[in-house]
Amino acid sequence: DGVGGVLATIITESIDRMIHRLARIVQLREKNALVQSMVSGFHIEGPFISDKPIYHGAHPVEEVGPVDIEQMKRLLEAAGGLARIVTYAPEQDAESRLPQFLVRQGVIASAGHTDATVEELQAAVDAGCSMVTHVGNGMPMELDRHDNITQRVLSLSGDLWMTFIADGAHVPLFALGNYLRLAGDDRAIIVTDATAPAGLGPGRYTFGRWEVEIDEDLIMWAPGRRHFLGSVMPMRDAAKNISDQLHLPAPVVKKLMVSNPRIPIGLARA
């Protein structure tokens, strides 16, 4: 797909199962030169995220909980020094301890699957949170028209890297254009959020605890089509979307998809 590297993403499960998965990928990576070249690190998404309905998305809510630094230490140890981003909900971290801890470890604290207030987000930023995971997603379809998590994080876009899924489903492309103009191309990153069934085409597949359905538009749904469960979009399609539909010039597309993603994880300089 023309991708130079990925952050292998581990989502919420029991801590022991998350540890097993991280350690297993580390083991496989050590044995395979291709995996070493492609897996640039880990994105640990959860388990310290919102337990509100819909906000937790595909993450099993029974495994979600408040920040526990000792458990975070176990996860980082299992990641073998490869953890690059940890997504968490600032409201699950009353004293903003997690971003402070992660910054000391050289790991990015990213707000996601969250309904944090502006005050909670600002406290997280002050403590070292420097990113937002998939802006405009992981929330109910119906929200307060002004005071909602998308508006809150965009109000702090000057202090945060903003990541966006450009599949046209998680965020309609016209809205993505609005968000990108607000965030600015110096602080925005396009991601795929591509899950294990990416590239397999329409059908029913097993993804974690879910039996998922990928429709003809290549959207991955929870059972009953209640909500999305991640994306199956190839990166080339994301590039085509923002180039053709948002009319972004090639240098900006490259910045959003090639240059910017490497900066916060230490693979390139700003």
Protein backbone atom coordinates (compact mmCIF):
# COMPACT_ATOMS: atom_id res chain seq x y z
CA ASP A 1 0.00 0.00 0.00
CA GLY A 2 3.01 2.31 -0.16
CA VAL A 3 3.15 2.66 3.63
CA GLY A 4 6.61 3.15 5.12
CA GLY A 5 5.72 2.02 8.64
CA VAL A 6 2.89 1.54 11.10
CA LEU A 7 2.19 1.78 14.79
CA ALA A 8 0.72 -1.59 15.70
CA THR A 9 -2.33 -0.75 17.79
CA ILE A 10 -3.44 -2.75 20.81
CA ILE A 11 -6.92 -1.84 22.04
CA THR A 12 -8.56 -2.35 25.41
CA GLU A 13 -8.74 -5.82 26.89
CA SER A 14 -7.83 -7.26 30.24
CA ILE A 15 -4.41 -5.96 31.24
CA ASP A 16 -2.96 -9.45 31.10
CA ARG A 17 -4.27 -10.02 27.58
CA MET A 18 -2.98 -6.62 26.42
CA ILE A 19 0.42 -7.48 27.90
CA HIS A 20 0.41 -10.83 26.12
CA ARG A 21 -0.39 -9.22 22.77
CA LEU A 22 2.29 -6.56 23.13
CA ALA A 23 4.92 -9.09 24.16
CA ARG A 24 3.92 -11.41 21.31
CA ILE A 25 4.38 -8.72 18.68
CA VAL A 26 7.72 -7.74 20.20
CA GLN A 27 8.76 -11.39 19.94
CA LEU A 28 7.63 -11.70 16.33
CA ARG A 29 9.26 -8.41 15.42
CA GLU A 30 12.61 -9.57 16.76
CA LYS A 31 12.48 -12.64 14.52
CA ASN A 32 11.41 -11.05 11.24
CA ALA A 33 13.25 -8.32 9.35
CA LEU A 34 10.13 -7.25 7.43
CA VAL A 35 8.14 -6.81 10.64
CA GLN A 36 11.03 -4.85 12.12
CA SER A 37 11.07 -2.52 9.14
CA MET A 38 7.29 -2.00 9.10
CA VAL A 39 6.33 -1.85 12.80
CA SER A 40 7.80 1.42 14.01
CA GLY A 41 6.27 1.01 17.45
CA PHE A 42 3.04 0.58 19.37
CA HIS A 43 -0.07 2.64 19.87
CA ILE A 44 -1.65 1.46 23.13
CA GLU A 45 -5.30 2.53 22.88
CA GLY A 46 -6.90 2.10 26.29
CA PRO A 47 -7.79 0.76 28.77
CA PHE A 48 -8.01 4.11 30.57
CA ILE A 49 -10.74 5.57 28.37
CA SER A 50 -14.33 6.75 28.84
CA ASP A 51 -16.85 4.21 30.05
CA LYS A 52 -19.78 6.24 28.73
CA PRO A 53 -21.98 4.49 26.13
CA ILE A 54 -20.66 4.94 22.56
CA TYR A 55 -17.60 6.92 23.70
CA HIS A 56 -15.73 3.68 24.35
CA GLY A 57 -16.39 2.53 20.76
CA ALA A 58 -15.09 -0.97 20.01
CA HIS A 59 -13.38 -1.23 23.40
CA PRO A 60 -15.07 -3.67 25.83
CA VAL A 61 -16.51 -1.41 28.51
CA GLU A 62 -16.07 -4.00 31.26
CA GLU A 63 -12.29 -3.67 30.85
CA VAL A 64 -12.29 0.14 30.86
CA GLY A 65 -11.33 1.98 34.03
CA PRO A 66 -9.52 4.88 35.68
CA VAL A 67 -5.82 5.48 35.15
CA ASP A 68 -3.58 3.07 37.05
CA ILE A 69 0.09 3.99 36.77
CA GLU A 70 1.30 0.58 37.94
CA GLN A 71 -0.70 -1.15 35.22
CA MET A 72 0.61 1.39 32.70
CA LYS A 73 4.14 0.46 33.74
CA ARG A 74 3.36 -3.20 33.03
CA LEU A 75 2.06 -2.34 29.57
CA LEU A 76 5.12 -0.25 28.71
CA GLU A 77 7.42 -2.99 29.93
CA ALA A 78 5.64 -5.54 27.72
CA ALA A 79 6.03 -3.16 24.76
CA GLY A 80 9.79 -3.51 25.06
CA GLY A 81 10.58 0.17 24.60
CA LEU A 82 8.44 0.39 21.45
CA ALA A 83 5.44 2.25 22.91
CA ARG A 84 5.02 5.52 21.04
CA ILE A 85 1.45 6.67 21.80
CA VAL A 86 -1.00 5.92 24.62
CA THR A 87 -4.62 6.96 24.11
CA TYR A 88 -6.55 7.71 27.28
CA ALA A 89 -9.47 9.81 28.52
CA PRO A 90 -8.38 12.78 30.67
CA GLU A 91 -11.54 12.45 32.78
CA GLN A 92 -10.25 9.05 33.89
CA ASP A 93 -7.15 10.74 35.30
CA ALA A 94 -8.30 13.20 37.96
CA GLU A 95 -4.79 14.34 38.90
CA SER A 96 -3.37 14.31 35.35
CA ARG A 97 -0.74 11.80 36.41
CA LEU A 98 -0.64 9.75 33.22
CA PRO A 99 0.67 12.40 30.80
CA GLN A 100 3.33 13.40 33.32
CA PHE A 101 4.43 9.78 33.63
CA LEU A 102 4.35 9.11 29.88
CA VAL A 103 6.34 12.22 29.02
CA ARG A 104 9.10 11.02 31.35
CA GLN A 105 9.10 7.72 29.42
CA GLY A 106 9.28 9.45 26.05
CA VAL A 107 5.74 8.32 25.14
CA ILE A 108 2.98 10.54 23.75
CA ALA A 109 -0.17 10.95 25.84
CA SER A 110 -3.11 11.30 23.44
CA ALA A 111 -6.68 12.15 24.42
CA GLY A 112 -9.23 9.85 22.79
CA HIS A 113 -12.47 7.98 23.45
CA THR A 114 -13.15 10.83 25.82
CA ASP A 115 -15.85 13.28 26.85
CA ALA A 116 -13.49 15.45 28.88
CA THR A 117 -14.50 19.01 29.68
CA VAL A 118 -12.45 21.93 28.42
CA GLU A 119 -11.01 22.24 31.91
CA GLU A 120 -10.02 18.56 32.02
CA LEU A 121 -8.45 18.81 28.58
CA GLN A 122 -6.51 21.91 29.53
CA ALA A 123 -5.23 20.23 32.70
CA ALA A 124 -4.13 17.27 30.57
CA VAL A 125 -2.32 19.57 28.13
CA ASP A 126 -0.62 21.37 31.01
CA ALA A 127 0.55 17.97 32.30
CA GLY A 128 1.98 16.93 28.93
CA CYS A 129 -0.86 15.54 26.77
CA SER A 130 0.11 16.50 23.22
CA MET A 131 -2.24 14.70 20.82
CA VAL A 132 -5.87 13.81 20.12
CA THR A 133 -6.71 10.37 18.71
CA HIS A 134 -9.10 10.38 15.72
CA VAL A 135 -10.84 13.75 16.15
CA GLY A 136 -14.58 13.62 15.48
CA ASN A 137 -14.98 9.92 16.31
CA GLY A 138 -15.70 7.75 19.32
CA MET A 139 -18.79 9.70 20.35
CA PRO A 140 -22.58 9.56 19.96
CA MET A 141 -24.28 10.70 16.77
CA GLU A 142 -26.33 13.26 18.71
CA LEU A 143 -24.49 15.83 20.83
CA ASP A 144 -24.82 19.33 22.22
CA ARG A 145 -24.49 21.48 19.12
CA HIS A 146 -21.73 23.63 20.65
CA ASP A 147 -20.30 22.10 23.83
CA ASN A 148 -19.11 18.73 22.57
CA ILE A 149 -15.77 16.95 22.56
CA THR A 150 -14.92 17.84 18.95
CA GLN A 151 -15.40 21.54 19.60
CA ARG A 152 -13.46 21.30 22.87
CA VAL A 153 -10.38 19.64 21.38
CA LEU A 154 -10.41 21.95 18.37
CA SER A 155 -10.36 24.91 20.75
CA LEU A 156 -6.97 23.62 21.97
CA SER A 157 -5.61 22.72 18.53
CA GLY A 158 -2.68 25.08 18.94
CA ASP A 159 -1.32 22.82 21.69
CA LEU A 160 -2.17 19.40 20.27
CA TRP A 161 -1.40 17.17 17.32
CA MET A 162 -4.77 16.36 15.74
CA THR A 163 -5.24 12.98 14.04
CA PHE A 164 -8.08 12.45 11.59
CA ILE A 165 -9.47 9.38 9.79
CA ALA A 166 -9.99 10.36 6.15
CA ASP A 167 -12.30 7.57 5.01
CA GLY A 168 -15.30 9.88 4.54
CA ALA A 169 -17.37 7.79 6.96
CA HIS A 170 -15.94 8.46 10.41
CA VAL A 171 -15.97 12.14 9.48
CA PRO A 172 -17.74 13.38 6.33
CA LEU A 173 -15.12 14.84 4.04
CA PHE A 174 -16.68 18.31 4.02
CA ALA A 175 -16.48 18.36 7.83
CA LEU A 176 -12.92 17.02 7.72
CA GLY A 177 -12.04 19.98 5.50
CA ASN A 178 -13.43 22.32 8.15
CA TYR A 179 -11.48 20.57 10.90
CA LEU A 180 -8.24 20.64 8.93
CA ARG A 181 -8.59 24.36 8.33
CA LEU A 182 -9.05 24.90 12.08
CA ALA A 183 -6.23 22.58 13.11
CA GLY A 184 -3.81 23.85 10.45
CA ASP A 185 -1.57 21.59 8.42
CA ASP A 186 1.37 22.08 10.78
CA ARG A 187 -0.42 20.17 13.58
CA ALA A 188 -2.70 17.76 11.68
CA ILE A 189 -2.10 14.10 10.84
CA ILE A 190 -4.12 11.82 8.58
CA VAL A 191 -4.44 8.22 9.81
CA THR A 192 -6.28 5.19 8.48
CA ASP A 193 -7.39 3.61 11.78
CA ALA A 194 -7.18 0.47 9.64
CA THR A 195 -8.09 -2.71 11.51
CA ALA A 196 -7.21 -6.37 10.93
CA PRO A 197 -9.84 -6.96 8.15
CA ALA A 198 -8.40 -4.11 6.02
CA GLY A 199 -7.96 -5.24 2.43
CA LEU A 200 -10.30 -8.24 2.69
CA GLY A 201 -13.31 -6.54 1.09
CA PRO A 202 -17.00 -6.78 2.05
CA GLY A 203 -18.05 -9.61 4.34
CA ARG A 204 -18.32 -10.75 7.96
CA TYR A 205 -15.17 -11.14 10.04
CA THR A 206 -14.04 -11.60 13.63
CA PHE A 207 -12.29 -8.59 15.16
CA GLY A 208 -11.39 -8.92 18.83
CA ARG A 209 -14.63 -9.74 20.62
CA TRP A 210 -16.76 -8.54 17.73
CA GLU A 211 -18.33 -10.22 14.74
CA VAL A 212 -18.08 -7.32 12.31
CA GLU A 213 -19.65 -6.55 8.97
CA ILE A 214 -17.85 -4.69 6.19
CA ASP A 215 -20.32 -3.29 3.70
CA GLU A 216 -19.95 -2.48 -0.01
CA ASP A 217 -18.69 1.01 0.92
CA LEU A 218 -15.92 -0.62 2.99
CA ILE A 219 -17.31 0.61 6.30
CA MET A 220 -16.83 -1.73 9.27
CA TRP A 221 -19.91 -1.92 11.50
CA ALA A 222 -20.71 -3.33 14.90
CA PRO A 223 -23.42 -6.01 14.94
CA GLY A 224 -26.76 -4.48 14.03
CA ARG A 225 -24.95 -1.51 12.46
CA ARG A 226 -25.11 0.39 15.74
CA HIS A 227 -21.81 2.21 15.18
CA PHE A 228 -18.48 1.99 13.38
CA LEU A 229 -15.75 -0.31 14.67
CA GLY A 230 -12.71 1.22 13.08
CA SER A 231 -11.76 1.55 9.45
CA VAL A 232 -10.56 -0.73 6.66
CA MET A 233 -9.32 2.14 4.48
CA PRO A 234 -5.94 1.78 2.75
CA MET A 235 -3.67 4.81 3.05
CA ARG A 236 -3.76 5.34 -0.72
CA ASP A 237 -7.54 5.85 -0.48
CA ALA A 238 -7.06 8.42 2.27
CA ALA A 239 -4.63 10.30 0.05
CA LYS A 240 -7.11 10.20 -2.83
CA ASN A 241 -9.92 11.46 -0.60
CA ILE A 242 -8.11 14.52 0.66
CA SER A 243 -6.56 15.24 -2.72
CA ASP A 244 -9.63 14.78 -4.93
CA GLN A 245 -12.45 15.69 -2.54
CA LEU A 246 -10.80 18.39 -0.44
CA HIS A 247 -8.59 19.64 -3.30
CA LEU A 248 -5.48 19.75 -1.15
CA PRO A 249 -2.27 20.22 -3.12
CA ALA A 250 0.29 17.40 -3.23
CA PRO A 251 2.78 19.09 -0.84
CA VAL A 252 0.05 19.45 1.81
CA VAL A 253 -1.09 15.84 1.33
CA LYS A 254 2.50 14.70 1.81
CA LYS A 255 2.84 16.85 4.91
CA LEU A 256 -0.33 15.45 6.50
CA MET A 257 0.42 11.82 5.63
CA VAL A 258 4.21 11.47 5.42
CA SER A 259 6.03 14.26 7.25
CA ASN A 260 3.79 15.15 10.18
CA PRO A 261 3.12 11.58 11.40
CA ARG A 262 6.85 11.01 11.85
CA ILE A 263 7.51 14.11 13.96
CA PRO A 264 5.70 13.39 17.24
CA ILE A 265 6.97 9.79 17.39
CA GLY A 266 10.55 10.90 16.92
CA LEU A 267 11.21 9.67 13.38
CA ALA A 268 11.65 13.16 11.92
CA ARG A 269 12.24 16.73 13.03
CA ALA A 270 9.68 19.51 12.77
